[in-house]
């Protein structure tokens, strides 16, 4: 299945959906090729404790608590 999200502005959105096998296969092939041809890079993720510290500092303790709840 392919789902295309359309967002013409900040207030409206819609989705177009198809399960046409030929179209889905073509889309999958295109994106798989783009993925394989993409440049590699290292992603440095900060320590969990650092993420929690900066959430509270940058936003608020409620955001930190929500983040912890999602991960649990």
Protein backbone atom coordinates (compact mmCIF):
# COMPACT_ATOMS: atom_id res chain seq x y z
CA UNK A 1 0.00 0.00 0.00
CA UNK A 2 1.16 3.53 -0.74
CA UNK A 3 -0.20 6.49 1.19
CA UNK A 4 0.58 10.00 -0.04
CA UNK A 5 0.06 12.78 2.46
CA UNK A 6 -1.13 16.08 1.02
CA UNK A 7 -0.70 19.20 3.15
CA UNK A 8 -1.66 22.29 1.14
CA UNK A 9 -1.52 24.54 4.20
CA UNK A 10 -1.24 24.48 8.01
CA UNK A 11 -4.94 23.80 8.54
CA UNK A 12 -5.77 21.12 6.00
CA UNK A 13 -4.43 17.72 5.09
CA UNK A 14 -5.59 14.67 3.19
CA UNK A 15 -4.23 11.29 2.16
CA UNK A 16 -4.40 9.42 -1.12
CA UNK A 17 -4.18 5.65 -0.78
CA UNK A 18 -3.63 2.89 -3.33
CA UNK A 19 -2.90 -0.80 -3.14
CA UNK A 20 -2.37 -1.23 -6.90
CA UNK A 21 0.38 -3.87 -6.96
CA UNK A 22 2.28 -2.47 -9.95
CA UNK A 23 2.29 1.06 -8.56
CA UNK A 24 3.27 -0.07 -5.07
CA UNK A 25 6.14 -2.16 -6.49
CA UNK A 26 7.40 0.81 -8.52
CA UNK A 27 7.29 3.12 -5.51
CA UNK A 28 9.06 0.55 -3.31
CA UNK A 29 11.79 0.06 -5.93
CA UNK A 30 12.32 3.80 -6.33
CA UNK A 31 12.68 4.48 -2.60
CA UNK A 32 14.80 1.40 -1.99
CA UNK A 33 17.19 2.59 -4.72
CA UNK A 34 17.34 6.08 -3.24
CA UNK A 35 18.02 4.60 0.19
CA UNK A 36 20.81 2.36 -1.12
CA UNK A 37 22.41 5.22 -3.07
CA UNK A 38 22.22 7.64 -0.16
CA UNK A 39 25.32 8.93 1.61
CA UNK A 40 26.24 7.27 4.89
CA UNK A 41 26.81 9.33 8.00
CA UNK A 42 27.36 8.73 11.69
CA UNK A 43 24.61 9.83 14.00
CA UNK A 44 25.77 10.62 17.48
CA UNK A 45 22.97 10.26 19.94
CA UNK A 46 23.40 11.89 23.34
CA UNK A 47 23.15 9.80 26.49
CA UNK A 48 19.65 9.18 27.85
CA UNK A 49 20.44 11.21 30.97
CA UNK A 50 21.54 14.15 28.81
CA UNK A 51 18.33 13.99 26.78
CA UNK A 52 16.26 14.16 29.97
CA UNK A 53 18.31 17.07 31.32
CA UNK A 54 17.93 19.12 28.15
CA UNK A 55 14.20 18.36 27.84
CA UNK A 56 13.61 19.87 31.25
CA UNK A 57 15.94 22.80 30.53
CA UNK A 58 14.67 23.58 27.04
CA UNK A 59 10.97 22.89 27.57
CA UNK A 60 9.56 21.95 30.96
CA UNK A 61 9.33 19.09 33.44
CA UNK A 62 5.98 18.03 31.95
CA UNK A 63 7.62 17.41 28.58
CA UNK A 64 10.35 15.42 30.31
CA UNK A 65 7.74 13.31 32.12
CA UNK A 66 5.81 12.72 28.85
CA UNK A 67 9.02 11.60 27.14
CA UNK A 68 9.82 9.15 29.93
CA UNK A 69 6.26 7.77 29.81
CA UNK A 70 6.47 7.18 26.05
CA UNK A 71 9.75 5.30 26.41
CA UNK A 72 8.40 3.13 29.22
